[in-house]
Every structure is written in C-alpha cells, then in structure tokens.
Amino acid sequence: MKLIIAAIKPYKLEEVREALTAVGVRGMMVSEIKGFGSQSGHTEIYRGAEYAVNFVPKMKLEIAVADAIADEVVETIAKTARTDKIGDGKIFVLDLQAVQRVRTGESGEDAL
C-alpha cells in the first residue's frame, strides 16, 4: 500500500478529485495549507503598499491506495493539476505499513 501526498493549486481540486474518482480512488483527505517552494512567495500591492506574500495557499491531498494503482494515481494527479506555471505543486509517495477501518476492524487493503 502507498500513501500519496500531493500539494496542488486550490482551483484544481475539483478537477483532480473527478479524475481520481474516474481511476478508482474511493476516498481522500483534503486540507488547506500554505507553503512555498522554488517561487519563494511573491509580492503584491494592497491599497498602494507593496507587501510580501511568503506562503502561497495550496490544497493538500492525502490518498491511501493499493500498490497496483499507485503509479496511475500519481500520473493522474500530475496530469490533471499541471498548469505549466511555477507553483503547480509536488507529489510524495510513501510506503504505508498498515491501515485499519475503525468501524469494521478491517485491515490492510480491505480497509482502503
């Protein structure tokens, strides 16, 4: 099993969710986050004053999947979230040792 963590632009969330549902993802966790990468934030002007925006808003997706579909899920996120502009995000893939469904006690891939 794999845990896929993706940081994407907020306006891409619904499009990514629909694409993931189409490839068989049955659930995910979503959080609003702020961060910066190679763009290191940017400057904006508000009421005539320039100020630095050091952290850029992103959406964080956490998706637990079976090994068999992990590569397809990563490719789907990358393809759907891409705008070809700086700040498109990152995708991390980690090994997932255990999963347990609280309601039924199922574990492993049965709990996904």
C-alpha atoms as a PDB file:
ATOM      1  CA  MET A   1       0.000   0.000   0.000  1.00  0.00           C
ATOM      2  CA  LYS A   2       1.096   3.576  -0.640  1.00  0.00           C
ATOM      3  CA  LEU A   3       0.250   6.931   0.897  1.00  0.00           C
ATOM      4  CA  ILE A   4       0.250   9.627  -1.762  1.00  0.00           C
ATOM      5  CA  ILE A   5       0.534  13.214  -0.557  1.00  0.00           C
ATOM      6  CA  ALA A   6       0.027  15.966  -3.114  1.00  0.00           C
ATOM      7  CA  ALA A   7       0.120  19.758  -2.778  1.00  0.00           C
ATOM      8  CA  ILE A   8      -1.805  21.392  -5.613  1.00  0.00           C
ATOM      9  CA  LYS A   9      -3.291  24.759  -6.544  1.00  0.00           C
ATOM     10  CA  PRO A  10      -6.680  25.279  -4.850  1.00  0.00           C
ATOM     11  CA  TYR A  11      -8.648  25.866  -8.041  1.00  0.00           C
ATOM     12  CA  LYS A  12      -7.504  22.480  -9.400  1.00  0.00           C
ATOM     13  CA  LEU A  13      -9.006  20.497  -6.509  1.00  0.00           C
ATOM     14  CA  GLU A  14     -12.367  19.606  -8.045  1.00  0.00           C
ATOM     15  CA  GLU A  15     -10.856  18.668 -11.405  1.00  0.00           C
ATOM     16  CA  VAL A  16      -8.285  16.420  -9.683  1.00  0.00           C
ATOM     17  CA  ARG A  17     -10.981  14.841  -7.481  1.00  0.00           C
ATOM     18  CA  GLU A  18     -13.095  13.970 -10.525  1.00  0.00           C
ATOM     19  CA  ALA A  19     -10.109  12.482 -12.368  1.00  0.00           C
ATOM     20  CA  LEU A  20      -9.109  10.391  -9.343  1.00  0.00           C
ATOM     21  CA  THR A  21     -12.647   9.099  -8.906  1.00  0.00           C
ATOM     22  CA  ALA A  22     -12.578   8.006 -12.552  1.00  0.00           C
ATOM     23  CA  VAL A  23      -9.425   5.889 -11.977  1.00  0.00           C
ATOM     24  CA  GLY A  24     -10.866   4.161  -8.910  1.00  0.00           C
ATOM     25  CA  VAL A  25      -9.873   6.265  -5.904  1.00  0.00           C
ATOM     26  CA  ARG A  26     -12.631   5.813  -3.325  1.00  0.00           C
ATOM     27  CA  GLY A  27     -11.591   8.415  -0.787  1.00  0.00           C
ATOM     28  CA  MET A  28      -9.082  11.067   0.187  1.00  0.00           C
ATOM     29  CA  MET A  29      -8.350  13.605   2.874  1.00  0.00           C
ATOM     30  CA  VAL A  30      -8.061  17.278   1.898  1.00  0.00           C
ATOM     31  CA  SER A  31      -6.527  20.121   3.908  1.00  0.00           C
ATOM     32  CA  GLU A  32      -5.961  23.790   3.177  1.00  0.00           C
ATOM     33  CA  ILE A  33      -2.268  24.536   3.615  1.00  0.00           C
ATOM     34  CA  LYS A  34       0.226  27.310   2.925  1.00  0.00           C
ATOM     35  CA  GLY A  35       3.763  26.824   1.762  1.00  0.00           C
ATOM     36  CA  PHE A  36       6.475  27.856  -0.613  1.00  0.00           C
ATOM     37  CA  GLY A  37       8.880  26.153  -2.940  1.00  0.00           C
ATOM     38  CA  SER A  38      11.127  27.436  -5.658  1.00  0.00           C
ATOM     39  CA  GLN A  39       8.961  30.523  -6.171  1.00  0.00           C
ATOM     40  CA  SER A  40       9.680  31.617  -2.541  1.00  0.00           C
ATOM     41  CA  GLY A  41       6.421  33.538  -2.353  1.00  0.00           C
ATOM     42  CA  HIS A  42       5.735  36.766  -4.239  1.00  0.00           C
ATOM     43  CA  THR A  43       4.900  40.430  -3.705  1.00  0.00           C
ATOM     44  CA  GLU A  44       1.501  42.056  -4.024  1.00  0.00           C
ATOM     45  CA  ILE A  45       0.194  45.599  -3.798  1.00  0.00           C
ATOM     46  CA  TYR A  46      -2.698  46.326  -1.443  1.00  0.00           C
ATOM     47  CA  ARG A  47      -4.041  49.889  -1.131  1.00  0.00           C
ATOM     48  CA  GLY A  48      -0.878  51.266  -2.650  1.00  0.00           C
ATOM     49  CA  ALA A  49       1.505  49.428  -0.322  1.00  0.00           C
ATOM     50  CA  GLU A  50       3.676  46.573  -1.517  1.00  0.00           C
ATOM     51  CA  TYR A  51       3.966  43.573   0.773  1.00  0.00           C
ATOM     52  CA  ALA A  52       5.494  40.123   0.577  1.00  0.00           C
ATOM     53  CA  VAL A  53       3.364  37.004   0.465  1.00  0.00           C
ATOM     54  CA  ASN A  54       5.825  34.428   1.776  1.00  0.00           C
ATOM     55  CA  PHE A  55       3.437  31.487   1.864  1.00  0.00           C
ATOM     56  CA  VAL A  56       1.242  30.507  -1.064  1.00  0.00           C
ATOM     57  CA  PRO A  57      -2.148  28.814  -0.474  1.00  0.00           C
ATOM     58  CA  LYS A  58      -2.338  25.171  -1.599  1.00  0.00           C
ATOM     59  CA  MET A  59      -4.557  22.152  -1.109  1.00  0.00           C
ATOM     60  CA  LYS A  60      -3.013  19.032   0.417  1.00  0.00           C
ATOM     61  CA  LEU A  61      -4.417  15.690  -0.706  1.00  0.00           C
ATOM     62  CA  GLU A  62      -3.689  12.505   1.234  1.00  0.00           C
ATOM     63  CA  ILE A  63      -4.680   9.323  -0.559  1.00  0.00           C
ATOM     64  CA  ALA A  64      -4.107   5.734   0.577  1.00  0.00           C
ATOM     65  CA  VAL A  65      -4.115   3.283  -2.336  1.00  0.00           C
ATOM     66  CA  ALA A  66      -3.151  -0.271  -3.204  1.00  0.00           C
ATOM     67  CA  ASP A  67       0.289  -0.703  -4.787  1.00  0.00           C
ATOM     68  CA  ALA A  68      -1.372  -1.802  -8.041  1.00  0.00           C
ATOM     69  CA  ILE A  69      -2.881   1.638  -8.769  1.00  0.00           C
ATOM     70  CA  ALA A  70      -0.331   3.931  -7.093  1.00  0.00           C
ATOM     71  CA  ASP A  71       1.516   4.850 -10.303  1.00  0.00           C
ATOM     72  CA  GLU A  72      -1.742   5.561 -12.127  1.00  0.00           C
ATOM     73  CA  VAL A  73      -2.928   7.799  -9.274  1.00  0.00           C
ATOM     74  CA  VAL A  74       0.344   9.779  -9.313  1.00  0.00           C
ATOM     75  CA  GLU A  75       0.169  10.190 -13.104  1.00  0.00           C
ATOM     76  CA  THR A  76      -3.470  11.299 -12.889  1.00  0.00           C
ATOM     77  CA  ILE A  77      -2.710  13.943 -10.249  1.00  0.00           C
ATOM     78  CA  ALA A  78       0.326  15.217 -12.165  1.00  0.00           C
ATOM     79  CA  LYS A  79      -1.536  15.420 -15.481  1.00  0.00           C
ATOM     80  CA  THR A  80      -4.699  16.991 -14.054  1.00  0.00           C
ATOM     81  CA  ALA A  81      -3.066  19.504 -11.693  1.00  0.00           C
ATOM     82  CA  ARG A  82      -0.486  20.734 -14.223  1.00  0.00           C
ATOM     83  CA  THR A  83      -0.802  24.304 -15.485  1.00  0.00           C
ATOM     84  CA  ASP A  84       2.808  24.563 -16.756  1.00  0.00           C
ATOM     85  CA  LYS A  85       3.313  27.550 -14.450  1.00  0.00           C
ATOM     86  CA  ILE A  86       5.510  27.795 -11.376  1.00  0.00           C
ATOM     87  CA  GLY A  87       3.807  26.595  -8.200  1.00  0.00           C
ATOM     88  CA  ASP A  88       1.900  23.638  -9.663  1.00  0.00           C
ATOM     89  CA  GLY A  89       2.844  21.620  -6.582  1.00  0.00           C
ATOM     90  CA  LYS A  90       4.531  18.394  -5.531  1.00  0.00           C
ATOM     91  CA  ILE A  91       3.582  14.741  -5.122  1.00  0.00           C
ATOM     92  CA  PHE A  92       5.133  12.493  -2.485  1.00  0.00           C
ATOM     93  CA  VAL A  93       4.728   8.706  -2.374  1.00  0.00           C
ATOM     94  CA  LEU A  94       5.367   6.840   0.874  1.00  0.00           C
ATOM     95  CA  ASP A  95       5.098   3.194   1.834  1.00  0.00           C
ATOM     96  CA  LEU A  96       2.085   2.589   4.045  1.00  0.00           C
ATOM     97  CA  GLN A  97       2.661  -0.128   6.626  1.00  0.00           C
ATOM     98  CA  ALA A  98      -0.838  -0.594   7.987  1.00  0.00           C
ATOM     99  CA  VAL A  99      -4.409   0.614   7.617  1.00  0.00           C
ATOM    100  CA  GLN A 100      -7.381  -0.212   9.794  1.00  0.00           C
ATOM    101  CA  ARG A 101     -11.008   0.763   9.253  1.00  0.00           C
ATOM    102  CA  VAL A 102     -12.340   1.905  12.616  1.00  0.00           C
ATOM    103  CA  ARG A 103     -15.975   0.921  12.045  1.00  0.00           C
ATOM    104  CA  THR A 104     -15.442  -2.699  10.954  1.00  0.00           C
ATOM    105  CA  GLY A 105     -11.940  -3.544  12.118  1.00  0.00           C
ATOM    106  CA  GLU A 106     -10.875  -4.480   8.555  1.00  0.00           C
ATOM    107  CA  SER A 107      -7.172  -4.048   7.949  1.00  0.00           C
ATOM    108  CA  GLY A 108      -4.726  -3.870   5.062  1.00  0.00           C
ATOM    109  CA  GLU A 109      -6.059  -3.303   1.544  1.00  0.00           C
ATOM    110  CA  ASP A 110      -9.547  -4.388   2.674  1.00  0.00           C
ATOM    111  CA  ALA A 111      -9.671  -1.220   4.770  1.00  0.00           C
ATOM    112  CA  LEU A 112      -8.945   1.050   1.816  1.00  0.00           C
END
